[in-house]
């Protein structure tokens, strides 16, 4: 397997990783909104909502890291394809 082939596989994996983070982010945003709209008075969900807020922040940070690495891999792929 060549470096280019490996990089292409890694690029596909990073694209999947970014999408998985986005799915989590979207789900956390919707869950927080649902709790706020439908369950704001339920004290048993206070801690769960706090956890969702923390998970949202964490997933956004991890997604950004994955985007940076994905972009670096994409640059290498473009360089190797151009040579």
Protein backbone atom coordinates (compact mmCIF):
# COMPACT_ATOMS: atom_id res chain seq x y z
CA UNK A 1 0.00 0.00 0.00
CA UNK A 2 1.39 3.41 -0.94
CA UNK A 3 1.48 6.50 1.22
CA UNK A 4 -1.19 8.07 -0.98
CA UNK A 5 -3.51 5.08 -0.57
CA UNK A 6 -3.04 5.11 3.19
CA UNK A 7 -3.67 8.85 3.34
CA UNK A 8 -6.84 8.47 1.28
CA UNK A 9 -8.11 5.82 3.69
CA UNK A 10 -7.22 8.02 6.64
CA UNK A 11 -8.98 10.96 5.01
CA UNK A 12 -12.17 8.93 4.64
CA UNK A 13 -11.91 7.89 8.27
CA UNK A 14 -11.46 11.48 9.41
CA UNK A 15 -14.48 12.56 7.36
CA UNK A 16 -16.51 9.88 9.15
CA UNK A 17 -15.13 11.02 12.50
CA UNK A 18 -16.11 14.65 11.83
CA UNK A 19 -19.61 13.53 10.82
CA UNK A 20 -19.98 11.38 13.93
CA UNK A 21 -19.09 14.37 16.10
CA UNK A 22 -21.63 16.47 14.18
CA UNK A 23 -24.35 13.91 14.79
CA UNK A 24 -23.55 13.97 18.52
CA UNK A 25 -23.50 17.77 18.54
CA UNK A 26 -26.87 17.95 16.80
CA UNK A 27 -28.35 15.39 19.20
CA UNK A 28 -27.05 17.20 22.29
CA UNK A 29 -28.41 20.54 21.05
CA UNK A 30 -31.82 19.01 20.40
CA UNK A 31 -31.87 17.19 23.74
CA UNK A 32 -30.97 20.37 25.65
CA UNK A 33 -33.70 22.27 23.80
CA UNK A 34 -36.22 19.50 24.50
CA UNK A 35 -35.40 19.52 28.20
CA UNK A 36 -35.71 23.32 28.27
CA UNK A 37 -39.03 23.26 26.42
CA UNK A 38 -40.74 20.21 27.87
CA UNK A 39 -39.01 19.30 31.12
CA UNK A 40 -37.70 22.56 32.59
CA UNK A 41 -39.56 21.96 35.85
CA UNK A 42 -38.27 18.40 36.32
CA UNK A 43 -35.46 18.52 38.90
CA UNK A 44 -34.39 14.98 38.06
CA UNK A 45 -33.09 16.22 34.68
CA UNK A 46 -30.93 19.08 35.97
CA UNK A 47 -27.79 16.96 36.20
CA UNK A 48 -28.51 15.25 32.89
CA UNK A 49 -28.83 18.64 31.19
CA UNK A 50 -25.53 19.77 32.72
CA UNK A 51 -23.90 16.62 31.39
CA UNK A 52 -25.33 17.30 27.93
CA UNK A 53 -23.95 20.84 27.98
CA UNK A 54 -20.51 19.48 28.92
CA UNK A 55 -20.70 16.78 26.25
CA UNK A 56 -21.70 19.39 23.69
CA UNK A 57 -18.66 21.52 24.49
CA UNK A 58 -16.38 18.50 24.52
CA UNK A 59 -17.64 17.18 21.19
CA UNK A 60 -17.26 20.60 19.57
CA UNK A 61 -13.64 20.76 20.73
CA UNK A 62 -12.90 17.20 19.58
CA UNK A 63 -14.58 17.83 16.24
CA UNK A 64 -12.36 20.86 15.66
CA UNK A 65 -9.27 18.75 16.36
CA UNK A 66 -10.52 16.12 13.90
CA UNK A 67 -11.17 18.82 11.28
CA UNK A 68 -7.62 20.13 11.66
CA UNK A 69 -6.10 16.68 11.20
CA UNK A 70 -8.48 15.92 8.33
CA UNK A 71 -7.42 19.12 6.59
CA UNK A 72 -3.74 18.28 7.04
CA UNK A 73 -4.31 14.84 5.54
CA UNK A 74 -6.28 16.37 2.65
CA UNK A 75 -3.38 18.74 1.95
CA UNK A 76 -0.97 15.80 1.78
CA UNK A 77 -3.29 13.90 -0.54
CA UNK A 78 -3.52 16.92 -2.83
CA UNK A 79 0.27 17.31 -2.85
CA UNK A 80 0.86 13.65 -3.69
CA UNK A 81 -1.82 13.64 -6.37
CA UNK A 82 -0.25 16.71 -7.91
CA UNK A 83 3.20 15.21 -8.18
